[in-house]
Every structure is written in C-alpha cells, then in structure tokens.
Amino acid sequence: MRIQRLKIYSDERPNAKDKRPWDPAHPRLRKGGGKIRVPVVGKLQGIVEFLVNGTPRGIEIAQLVIAGWTGRDGASVEKHIAELEAIGVKRPRAVPVFYRVAASLLTAARGVDVVGEHSSGEVEFVLVSAPDALYVGVGSDHTDRKVEAYGVTVSKQMCSKPLGRELWPFAELDAHWDRLVLRSHVTRGGKRRLYQEGEVGNMLLPRDLLGRFSGSAFLAPGTAMFCGTLAVRGEIGGGERFEIELHDPVRNRSLRHEYTIRELAIAD
C-alpha cells in the first residue's frame, strides 16, 4: 500500500497579501500548485498513517492538544464539571482549557495498556491539520481518573489517546457541522451499554475553539486536537472495551473505532 508522505517546511513568511501559506485563501492552495510552506511546531514524532475517504495518507503529527470543557451551553459545561467534581477533580479556573500532551501518546492501536482500574475513555471529534487541509477524525481522551483528582494536566499524560485511522475533510462537513453526532459504548463485566450520545452542536464550533486556542481560525499543520466531550449517561467509569463513533446523518456515514483496555498490575 502506497502512503503519501507530507513534508513540513520551516518557512513561516506570509505571502504578498499577508496571508499565511496554510490559509485556504492562499492562491497556491486554491490552484493546487507549488510547495506549501508551513511552520514547524516542534520535533516531529513520526508519520501517522490515515485513510482519507478511503485513500491512504500519511500525516506527521508534531503536537497533540487536548481541549477540555468546550461546551457552548454553560449548563452542559457545568454538568460535566460536576461529574468530575464527584470523583475528586478540581474545577478549572477558566474554560475551555487546552492541555499539551506528548504527541507520542496518539495511537490507532486496537488495544491500550493502563495502570490499575481507574481509567476510562471519552468520545471526541479530533481536528488533524495537514499542510493542505484540515481533517476530522474520532478519538478517545482515555484518562486515569484517580490521577485526575491529583492533577488534570498530569492525568492527561498517563494514558494513550486512541484515534481512528479514517479521516474526513473538514470542508465536507462545514455546512452541516452541527448535525454530526458523537456516540460511545462501554463494555463492562461483559455488558455493553450506551455511554455517551449527542450532537457536536453542543460543543464550540471548530473555528471558535481554535480562535480561543491560538487567536486565529487556523490550526498549525502537524497538530492534532481532541475537541471536548459530552456528559456520560450514568456514572463515569471504565471497562474492558470502548467503542466510539462520529456519525454524519446528512451523508449517512460514520467514523468508528474501538479498543480494548488491559489493566496492568500495580507492583507497589
């Protein structure tokens, strides 16, 4: 299988019209010709192999960001904060919050290893920025809840961040974005149940979220951002399997991923 590899350059100069080269309005990007120069955002962690509408595509991910408390509705954000407070997690000083984590935590594997029994997943839409376009995937911000009570930033570094291999171009979704649906199922003790479900319209629009992150509507190429989650149905808790889905009812298609969780013994 031939993988298209995307090269990241270091030239960050704006063009003559003072538009950055990764801006969709850039003439070279519209015409599809010439080299697209983008800023390097740190040491490259390696190429992640995706499928974009069924076509193999390799994208280098240099930076991984986890956005938290991204709801549009204050009551929904408060509900999620209260859920986490119930398990000992401190309230954030401001929302949304952006946690930088190691890009090496990103994984498309069908299984993850965790320490102990206190971790659980959360379904999220994920923005993946390449030099030519912005893409959307589905992932799980798998987090150690016991460590989260100690410190959220530390807890975000404790677990792998599963991400499905298939991506959709954001441009295909922009016009009907709020109709997309996120859904997750957890299997615990052999019993599978619906864990989360709701429209992405419950969360900040990607442009609004990026504006709060960087002050602009663009995400630097080489960056993947998990963009927040929904309240759970019932209590927060893990299990032996987690299934995630981003459904597009307009085009009648879904991005799906699932993974098993293996609990490693605590030695001390």
C-alpha atoms as a PDB file:
ATOM      1  CA  MET A   1       0.000   0.000   0.000  1.00  0.00           C
ATOM      2  CA  ARG A   2       1.475   3.339  -1.050  1.00  0.00           C
ATOM      3  CA  ILE A   3       1.399   6.030   1.644  1.00  0.00           C
ATOM      4  CA  GLN A   4       1.546   9.691   0.651  1.00  0.00           C
ATOM      5  CA  ARG A   5       4.007  11.463   2.945  1.00  0.00           C
ATOM      6  CA  LEU A   6       3.585  15.127   3.719  1.00  0.00           C
ATOM      7  CA  LYS A   7       6.729  17.225   4.156  1.00  0.00           C
ATOM      8  CA  ILE A   8       6.751  20.043   6.677  1.00  0.00           C
ATOM      9  CA  TYR A   9       8.936  23.055   5.906  1.00  0.00           C
ATOM     10  CA  SER A  10      10.172  25.775   8.235  1.00  0.00           C
ATOM     11  CA  ASP A  11       9.453  28.930   6.246  1.00  0.00           C
ATOM     12  CA  GLU A  12       6.805  30.910   8.127  1.00  0.00           C
ATOM     13  CA  ARG A  13       6.837  34.046   5.996  1.00  0.00           C
ATOM     14  CA  PRO A  14       3.461  35.425   4.920  1.00  0.00           C
ATOM     15  CA  ASN A  15       2.850  35.919   1.243  1.00  0.00           C
ATOM     16  CA  ALA A  16       2.451  39.239  -0.540  1.00  0.00           C
ATOM     17  CA  LYS A  17      -1.191  39.538   0.556  1.00  0.00           C
ATOM     18  CA  ASP A  18      -0.222  38.912   4.175  1.00  0.00           C
ATOM     19  CA  LYS A  19      -1.973  35.560   4.211  1.00  0.00           C
ATOM     20  CA  ARG A  20      -0.186  32.586   5.703  1.00  0.00           C
ATOM     21  CA  PRO A  21       0.562  29.786   3.206  1.00  0.00           C
ATOM     22  CA  TRP A  22      -1.723  27.341   5.023  1.00  0.00           C
ATOM     23  CA  ASP A  23      -4.640  29.766   4.726  1.00  0.00           C
ATOM     24  CA  PRO A  24      -7.309  28.222   2.419  1.00  0.00           C
ATOM     25  CA  ALA A  25      -7.369  31.560   0.579  1.00  0.00           C
ATOM     26  CA  HIS A  26      -3.716  31.190  -0.411  1.00  0.00           C
ATOM     27  CA  PRO A  27      -3.570  31.135  -4.250  1.00  0.00           C
ATOM     28  CA  ARG A  28      -1.207  28.160  -4.411  1.00  0.00           C
ATOM     29  CA  LEU A  29      -3.522  26.150  -2.221  1.00  0.00           C
ATOM     30  CA  ARG A  30      -6.529  27.030  -4.370  1.00  0.00           C
ATOM     31  CA  LYS A  31      -4.721  26.119  -7.566  1.00  0.00           C
ATOM     32  CA  GLY A  32      -3.036  23.065  -6.074  1.00  0.00           C
ATOM     33  CA  GLY A  33       0.397  24.028  -7.409  1.00  0.00           C
ATOM     34  CA  GLY A  34       3.780  24.748  -5.869  1.00  0.00           C
ATOM     35  CA  LYS A  35       5.216  23.883  -2.485  1.00  0.00           C
ATOM     36  CA  ILE A  36       3.161  24.788   0.538  1.00  0.00           C
ATOM     37  CA  ARG A  37       5.390  26.105   3.304  1.00  0.00           C
ATOM     38  CA  VAL A  38       4.190  25.837   6.877  1.00  0.00           C
ATOM     39  CA  PRO A  39       5.682  26.460  10.320  1.00  0.00           C
ATOM     40  CA  VAL A  40       7.372  23.672  12.211  1.00  0.00           C
ATOM     41  CA  VAL A  41       5.680  23.275  15.594  1.00  0.00           C
ATOM     42  CA  GLY A  42       8.300  21.183  17.332  1.00  0.00           C
ATOM     43  CA  LYS A  43      10.210  17.963  16.991  1.00  0.00           C
ATOM     44  CA  LEU A  44       8.451  15.611  14.593  1.00  0.00           C
ATOM     45  CA  GLN A  45       7.160  12.481  16.264  1.00  0.00           C
ATOM     46  CA  GLY A  46       6.623  10.447  13.102  1.00  0.00           C
ATOM     47  CA  ILE A  47       4.111   9.823  10.381  1.00  0.00           C
ATOM     48  CA  VAL A  48       0.668   8.574  11.344  1.00  0.00           C
ATOM     49  CA  GLU A  49      -0.982   6.550   8.602  1.00  0.00           C
ATOM     50  CA  PHE A  50      -4.601   7.553   7.982  1.00  0.00           C
ATOM     51  CA  LEU A  51      -7.294   6.889   5.396  1.00  0.00           C
ATOM     52  CA  VAL A  52      -8.917   9.996   3.902  1.00  0.00           C
ATOM     53  CA  ASN A  53     -12.159   8.953   2.240  1.00  0.00           C
ATOM     54  CA  GLY A  54     -10.590   5.535   1.723  1.00  0.00           C
ATOM     55  CA  THR A  55      -7.280   6.799   0.301  1.00  0.00           C
ATOM     56  CA  PRO A  56      -4.081   6.081   2.317  1.00  0.00           C
ATOM     57  CA  ARG A  57      -2.477   9.231   3.672  1.00  0.00           C
ATOM     58  CA  GLY A  58       0.500   9.754   5.958  1.00  0.00           C
ATOM     59  CA  ILE A  59       0.453  12.876   8.142  1.00  0.00           C
ATOM     60  CA  GLU A  60       3.250  13.863  10.501  1.00  0.00           C
ATOM     61  CA  ILE A  61       1.945  14.815  13.942  1.00  0.00           C
ATOM     62  CA  ALA A  62       4.282  17.034  15.949  1.00  0.00           C
ATOM     63  CA  GLN A  63       1.865  18.440  18.534  1.00  0.00           C
ATOM     64  CA  LEU A  64      -1.076  16.920  20.407  1.00  0.00           C
ATOM     65  CA  VAL A  65      -3.576  19.112  22.263  1.00  0.00           C
ATOM     66  CA  ILE A  66      -6.498  18.040  24.463  1.00  0.00           C
ATOM     67  CA  ALA A  67      -9.231  20.677  24.776  1.00  0.00           C
ATOM     68  CA  GLY A  68     -11.457  20.445  27.822  1.00  0.00           C
ATOM     69  CA  TRP A  69     -14.778  21.940  28.865  1.00  0.00           C
ATOM     70  CA  THR A  70     -15.648  23.049  25.344  1.00  0.00           C
ATOM     71  CA  GLY A  71     -19.449  23.131  25.580  1.00  0.00           C
ATOM     72  CA  ARG A  72     -21.413  26.009  24.057  1.00  0.00           C
ATOM     73  CA  ASP A  73     -24.065  25.850  26.751  1.00  0.00           C
ATOM     74  CA  GLY A  74     -22.971  26.885  30.219  1.00  0.00           C
ATOM     75  CA  ALA A  75     -25.358  24.431  31.884  1.00  0.00           C
ATOM     76  CA  SER A  76     -23.881  21.494  29.965  1.00  0.00           C
ATOM     77  CA  VAL A  77     -20.345  22.555  30.849  1.00  0.00           C
ATOM     78  CA  GLU A  78     -21.372  22.842  34.499  1.00  0.00           C
ATOM     79  CA  LYS A  79     -22.870  19.331  34.373  1.00  0.00           C
ATOM     80  CA  HIS A  80     -19.594  17.862  33.124  1.00  0.00           C
ATOM     81  CA  ILE A  81     -17.599  19.806  35.725  1.00  0.00           C
ATOM     82  CA  ALA A  82     -19.943  18.478  38.423  1.00  0.00           C
ATOM     83  CA  GLU A  83     -19.449  14.904  37.148  1.00  0.00           C
ATOM     84  CA  LEU A  84     -15.707  15.265  37.561  1.00  0.00           C
ATOM     85  CA  GLU A  85     -16.024  17.039  40.912  1.00  0.00           C
ATOM     86  CA  ALA A  86     -17.931  13.978  42.131  1.00  0.00           C
ATOM     87  CA  ILE A  87     -14.793  11.881  41.601  1.00  0.00           C
ATOM     88  CA  GLY A  88     -12.482  14.471  43.165  1.00  0.00           C
ATOM     89  CA  VAL A  89     -11.415  16.574  40.169  1.00  0.00           C
ATOM     90  CA  LYS A  90     -10.930  20.277  40.903  1.00  0.00           C
ATOM     91  CA  ARG A  91     -12.869  22.897  38.972  1.00  0.00           C
ATOM     92  CA  PRO A  92     -10.946  24.630  36.159  1.00  0.00           C
ATOM     93  CA  ARG A  93     -10.036  28.269  36.661  1.00  0.00           C
ATOM     94  CA  ALA A  94     -11.415  29.121  33.215  1.00  0.00           C
ATOM     95  CA  VAL A  95     -12.960  27.300  30.251  1.00  0.00           C
ATOM     96  CA  PRO A  96     -12.115  25.987  27.752  1.00  0.00           C
ATOM     97  CA  VAL A  97      -8.747  24.579  28.820  1.00  0.00           C
ATOM     98  CA  PHE A  98      -6.021  23.370  26.449  1.00  0.00           C
ATOM     99  CA  TYR A  99      -3.681  20.642  27.686  1.00  0.00           C
ATOM    100  CA  ARG A 100      -0.485  19.988  25.728  1.00  0.00           C
ATOM    101  CA  VAL A 101       0.482  16.320  25.821  1.00  0.00           C
ATOM    102  CA  ALA A 102       3.149  14.207  24.169  1.00  0.00           C
ATOM    103  CA  ALA A 103       2.363  13.529  20.510  1.00  0.00           C
ATOM    104  CA  SER A 104       3.718  10.019  21.022  1.00  0.00           C
ATOM    105  CA  LEU A 105       0.562   9.208  23.048  1.00  0.00           C
ATOM    106  CA  LEU A 106      -1.519   9.215  19.872  1.00  0.00           C
ATOM    107  CA  THR A 107      -2.345   5.664  18.786  1.00  0.00           C
ATOM    108  CA  ALA A 108      -4.554   3.853  16.296  1.00  0.00           C
ATOM    109  CA  ALA A 109      -3.988   0.506  18.024  1.00  0.00           C
ATOM    110  CA  ARG A 110      -6.946  -1.704  18.898  1.00  0.00           C
ATOM    111  CA  GLY A 111      -5.809  -2.045  22.484  1.00  0.00           C
ATOM    112  CA  VAL A 112      -4.248   0.133  25.192  1.00  0.00           C
ATOM    113  CA  ASP A 113      -2.436  -0.719  28.412  1.00  0.00           C
ATOM    114  CA  VAL A 114      -3.304   1.209  31.579  1.00  0.00           C
ATOM    115  CA  VAL A 115      -2.135   1.058  35.178  1.00  0.00           C
ATOM    116  CA  GLY A 116      -4.856  -0.128  37.555  1.00  0.00           C
ATOM    117  CA  GLU A 117      -8.619   0.017  37.153  1.00  0.00           C
ATOM    118  CA  HIS A 118      -9.346   3.745  37.362  1.00  0.00           C
ATOM    119  CA  SER A 119      -9.167   4.840  33.716  1.00  0.00           C
ATOM    120  CA  SER A 120     -11.947   5.469  31.217  1.00  0.00           C
ATOM    121  CA  GLY A 121     -12.489   6.846  27.722  1.00  0.00           C
ATOM    122  CA  GLU A 122     -14.411   9.824  26.324  1.00  0.00           C
ATOM    123  CA  VAL A 123     -15.533  10.141  22.713  1.00  0.00           C
ATOM    124  CA  GLU A 124     -14.381  13.334  20.959  1.00  0.00           C
ATOM    125  CA  PHE A 125     -14.115  14.714  17.461  1.00  0.00           C
ATOM    126  CA  VAL A 126     -10.477  15.336  16.590  1.00  0.00           C
ATOM    127  CA  LEU A 127      -9.097  18.019  14.286  1.00  0.00           C
ATOM    128  CA  VAL A 128      -5.997  16.944  12.349  1.00  0.00           C
ATOM    129  CA  SER A 129      -4.160  19.657  10.435  1.00  0.00           C
ATOM    130  CA  ALA A 130      -2.045  18.802   7.388  1.00  0.00           C
ATOM    131  CA  PRO A 131      -0.246  21.297   5.124  1.00  0.00           C
ATOM    132  CA  ASP A 132      -3.005  21.148   2.519  1.00  0.00           C
ATOM    133  CA  ALA A 133      -6.203  20.897   4.572  1.00  0.00           C
ATOM    134  CA  LEU A 134      -7.940  20.394   7.911  1.00  0.00           C
ATOM    135  CA  TYR A 135      -9.356  16.935   8.620  1.00  0.00           C
ATOM    136  CA  VAL A 136     -11.748  15.476  11.189  1.00  0.00           C
ATOM    137  CA  GLY A 137     -11.486  12.149  12.978  1.00  0.00           C
ATOM    138  CA  VAL A 138     -12.917  10.425  16.040  1.00  0.00           C
ATOM    139  CA  GLY A 139     -10.859   9.689  19.139  1.00  0.00           C
ATOM    140  CA  SER A 140     -10.992   8.932  22.830  1.00  0.00           C
ATOM    141  CA  ASP A 141      -9.375  11.032  25.524  1.00  0.00           C
ATOM    142  CA  HIS A 142      -8.619   8.000  27.686  1.00  0.00           C
ATOM    143  CA  THR A 143      -7.725   9.318  31.139  1.00  0.00           C
ATOM    144  CA  ASP A 144      -6.647   7.961  34.512  1.00  0.00           C
ATOM    145  CA  ARG A 145      -9.431   9.234  36.790  1.00  0.00           C
ATOM    146  CA  LYS A 146      -7.535   8.577  40.015  1.00  0.00           C
ATOM    147  CA  VAL A 147      -4.600  10.700  38.847  1.00  0.00           C
ATOM    148  CA  GLU A 148      -7.069  13.282  37.509  1.00  0.00           C
ATOM    149  CA  ALA A 149      -8.124  14.007  41.089  1.00  0.00           C
ATOM    150  CA  TYR A 150      -4.480  14.855  41.792  1.00  0.00           C
ATOM    151  CA  GLY A 151      -3.958  16.989  38.701  1.00  0.00           C
ATOM    152  CA  VAL A 152      -5.734  17.091  35.333  1.00  0.00           C
ATOM    153  CA  THR A 153      -2.619  18.097  33.386  1.00  0.00           C
ATOM    154  CA  VAL A 154      -0.689  15.146  34.810  1.00  0.00           C
ATOM    155  CA  SER A 155      -3.573  12.733  34.195  1.00  0.00           C
ATOM    156  CA  LYS A 156      -3.706  13.641  30.509  1.00  0.00           C
ATOM    157  CA  GLN A 157      -0.158  12.295  30.131  1.00  0.00           C
ATOM    158  CA  MET A 158      -0.913   8.961  31.784  1.00  0.00           C
ATOM    159  CA  CYS A 159      -2.791   7.135  29.017  1.00  0.00           C
ATOM    160  CA  SER A 160      -2.610   6.585  25.279  1.00  0.00           C
ATOM    161  CA  LYS A 161      -5.001   8.670  23.165  1.00  0.00           C
ATOM    162  CA  PRO A 162      -6.805   6.344  20.708  1.00  0.00           C
ATOM    163  CA  LEU A 163      -7.692   7.813  17.314  1.00  0.00           C
ATOM    164  CA  GLY A 164      -9.448   6.060  14.431  1.00  0.00           C
ATOM    165  CA  ARG A 165      -7.464   5.774  11.195  1.00  0.00           C
ATOM    166  CA  GLU A 166     -10.156   7.226   8.943  1.00  0.00           C
ATOM    167  CA  LEU A 167     -10.496  10.995   8.457  1.00  0.00           C
ATOM    168  CA  TRP A 168     -12.930  13.260   6.628  1.00  0.00           C
ATOM    169  CA  PRO A 169     -12.005  16.631   5.116  1.00  0.00           C
ATOM    170  CA  PHE A 170     -13.479  19.374   7.288  1.00  0.00           C
ATOM    171  CA  ALA A 171     -14.652  21.156   4.130  1.00  0.00           C
ATOM    172  CA  GLU A 172     -17.130  18.310   3.517  1.00  0.00           C
ATOM    173  CA  LEU A 173     -18.717  18.861   6.942  1.00  0.00           C
ATOM    174  CA  ASP A 174     -18.627  22.604   7.478  1.00  0.00           C
ATOM    175  CA  ALA A 175     -22.085  23.371   6.022  1.00  0.00           C
ATOM    176  CA  HIS A 176     -23.901  20.837   8.247  1.00  0.00           C
ATOM    177  CA  TRP A 177     -21.446  20.628  11.159  1.00  0.00           C
ATOM    178  CA  ASP A 178     -23.990  20.885  13.990  1.00  0.00           C
ATOM    179  CA  ARG A 179     -25.862  17.817  12.742  1.00  0.00           C
ATOM    180  CA  LEU A 180     -22.933  15.461  13.371  1.00  0.00           C
ATOM    181  CA  VAL A 181     -23.459  13.031  16.250  1.00  0.00           C
ATOM    182  CA  LEU A 182     -20.920  11.654  18.724  1.00  0.00           C
ATOM    183  CA  ARG A 183     -21.610   8.308  20.361  1.00  0.00           C
ATOM    184  CA  SER A 184     -19.765   5.871  22.610  1.00  0.00           C
ATOM    185  CA  HIS A 185     -20.433   2.458  24.130  1.00  0.00           C
ATOM    186  CA  VAL A 186     -18.624   0.833  27.024  1.00  0.00           C
ATOM    187  CA  THR A 187     -18.452  -2.883  27.789  1.00  0.00           C
ATOM    188  CA  ARG A 188     -18.053  -3.551  31.484  1.00  0.00           C
ATOM    189  CA  GLY A 189     -18.253  -7.004  33.026  1.00  0.00           C
ATOM    190  CA  GLY A 190     -19.323  -8.379  29.656  1.00  0.00           C
ATOM    191  CA  LYS A 191     -22.303  -5.998  29.394  1.00  0.00           C
ATOM    192  CA  ARG A 192     -22.335  -3.403  26.599  1.00  0.00           C
ATOM    193  CA  ARG A 193     -24.236  -0.142  27.108  1.00  0.00           C
ATOM    194  CA  LEU A 194     -24.586   3.304  25.593  1.00  0.00           C
ATOM    195  CA  TYR A 195     -22.191   5.603  27.443  1.00  0.00           C
ATOM    196  CA  GLN A 196     -22.420   8.946  25.574  1.00  0.00           C
ATOM    197  CA  GLU A 197     -24.532  10.361  22.764  1.00  0.00           C
ATOM    198  CA  GLY A 198     -25.214  13.838  21.430  1.00  0.00           C
ATOM    199  CA  GLU A 199     -24.726  16.308  18.596  1.00  0.00           C
ATOM    200  CA  VAL A 200     -21.438  18.148  18.178  1.00  0.00           C
ATOM    201  CA  GLY A 201     -23.561  21.291  18.182  1.00  0.00           C
ATOM    202  CA  ASN A 202     -23.395  21.003  21.973  1.00  0.00           C
ATOM    203  CA  MET A 203     -19.727  22.000  21.747  1.00  0.00           C
ATOM    204  CA  LEU A 204     -17.923  25.050  20.441  1.00  0.00           C
ATOM    205  CA  LEU A 205     -17.613  25.315  16.683  1.00  0.00           C
ATOM    206  CA  PRO A 206     -14.108  24.369  15.488  1.00  0.00           C
ATOM    207  CA  ARG A 207     -13.420  27.956  14.368  1.00  0.00           C
ATOM    208  CA  ASP A 208     -14.481  29.335  17.749  1.00  0.00           C
ATOM    209  CA  LEU A 209     -12.425  26.733  19.606  1.00  0.00           C
ATOM    210  CA  LEU A 210      -9.333  27.435  17.505  1.00  0.00           C
ATOM    211  CA  GLY A 211      -9.851  31.152  17.997  1.00  0.00           C
ATOM    212  CA  ARG A 212      -9.673  30.665  21.762  1.00  0.00           C
ATOM    213  CA  PHE A 213      -6.659  28.394  21.395  1.00  0.00           C
ATOM    214  CA  SER A 214      -4.449  30.484  19.131  1.00  0.00           C
ATOM    215  CA  GLY A 215      -6.283  33.696  18.371  1.00  0.00           C
ATOM    216  CA  SER A 216      -6.980  32.628  14.775  1.00  0.00           C
ATOM    217  CA  ALA A 217      -9.278  30.211  12.955  1.00  0.00           C
ATOM    218  CA  PHE A 218      -6.378  28.030  11.796  1.00  0.00           C
ATOM    219  CA  LEU A 219      -4.610  25.070  13.357  1.00  0.00           C
ATOM    220  CA  ALA A 220      -0.900  24.783  12.649  1.00  0.00           C
ATOM    221  CA  PRO A 221      -0.122  21.835  10.346  1.00  0.00           C
ATOM    222  CA  GLY A 222       1.305  18.905  12.224  1.00  0.00           C
ATOM    223  CA  THR A 223      -1.187  19.417  15.085  1.00  0.00           C
ATOM    224  CA  ALA A 224      -3.951  17.103  16.295  1.00  0.00           C
ATOM    225  CA  MET A 225      -6.532  18.483  18.720  1.00  0.00           C
ATOM    226  CA  PHE A 226      -9.092  16.500  20.716  1.00  0.00           C
ATOM    227  CA  CYS A 227     -12.008  18.917  20.990  1.00  0.00           C
ATOM    228  CA  GLY A 228     -14.029  18.046  24.074  1.00  0.00           C
ATOM    229  CA  THR A 229     -16.640  15.502  25.057  1.00  0.00           C
ATOM    230  CA  LEU A 230     -20.235  15.000  26.140  1.00  0.00           C
ATOM    231  CA  ALA A 231     -21.720  14.224  29.533  1.00  0.00           C
ATOM    232  CA  VAL A 232     -21.970  10.499  30.238  1.00  0.00           C
ATOM    233  CA  ARG A 233     -25.172   8.534  30.759  1.00  0.00           C
ATOM    234  CA  GLY A 234     -24.946   7.315  34.312  1.00  0.00           C
ATOM    235  CA  GLU A 235     -21.677   7.298  36.238  1.00  0.00           C
ATOM    236  CA  ILE A 236     -18.186   7.827  34.832  1.00  0.00           C
ATOM    237  CA  GLY A 237     -16.377   4.514  34.676  1.00  0.00           C
ATOM    238  CA  GLY A 238     -14.182   2.293  32.577  1.00  0.00           C
ATOM    239  CA  GLY A 239     -14.490  -1.226  31.260  1.00  0.00           C
ATOM    240  CA  GLU A 240     -12.765  -3.812  29.124  1.00  0.00           C
ATOM    241  CA  ARG A 241     -13.814  -2.321  25.759  1.00  0.00           C
ATOM    242  CA  PHE A 242     -14.653   1.153  24.475  1.00  0.00           C
ATOM    243  CA  GLU A 243     -16.338   1.954  21.154  1.00  0.00           C
ATOM    244  CA  ILE A 244     -16.511   5.438  19.626  1.00  0.00           C
ATOM    245  CA  GLU A 245     -18.368   6.884  16.640  1.00  0.00           C
ATOM    246  CA  LEU A 246     -18.790  10.163  14.777  1.00  0.00           C
ATOM    247  CA  HIS A 247     -21.934   9.928  12.623  1.00  0.00           C
ATOM    248  CA  ASP A 248     -22.792  12.143   9.664  1.00  0.00           C
ATOM    249  CA  PRO A 249     -26.579  11.860   9.099  1.00  0.00           C
ATOM    250  CA  VAL A 250     -26.503  14.070   6.003  1.00  0.00           C
ATOM    251  CA  ARG A 251     -24.145  11.777   4.086  1.00  0.00           C
ATOM    252  CA  ASN A 252     -25.220   8.673   6.010  1.00  0.00           C
ATOM    253  CA  ARG A 253     -21.714   7.604   7.045  1.00  0.00           C
ATOM    254  CA  SER A 254     -19.751   7.109  10.246  1.00  0.00           C
ATOM    255  CA  LEU A 255     -16.208   7.153  11.549  1.00  0.00           C
ATOM    256  CA  ARG A 256     -15.741   4.342  14.064  1.00  0.00           C
ATOM    257  CA  HIS A 257     -13.010   2.990  16.274  1.00  0.00           C
ATOM    258  CA  GLU A 258     -12.896   0.572  19.166  1.00  0.00           C
ATOM    259  CA  TYR A 259     -10.234  -0.654  21.519  1.00  0.00           C
ATOM    260  CA  THR A 260      -9.756  -2.983  24.439  1.00  0.00           C
ATOM    261  CA  ILE A 261      -8.276  -1.904  27.767  1.00  0.00           C
ATOM    262  CA  ARG A 262      -5.709  -4.101  29.505  1.00  0.00           C
ATOM    263  CA  GLU A 263      -5.152  -3.288  33.164  1.00  0.00           C
ATOM    264  CA  LEU A 264      -1.550  -3.670  34.307  1.00  0.00           C
ATOM    265  CA  ALA A 265      -0.919  -4.736  37.860  1.00  0.00           C
ATOM    266  CA  ILE A 266       0.317  -2.167  40.401  1.00  0.00           C
ATOM    267  CA  ALA A 267       3.553  -3.532  41.838  1.00  0.00           C
ATOM    268  CA  ASP A 268       3.869  -1.382  44.972  1.00  0.00           C
END
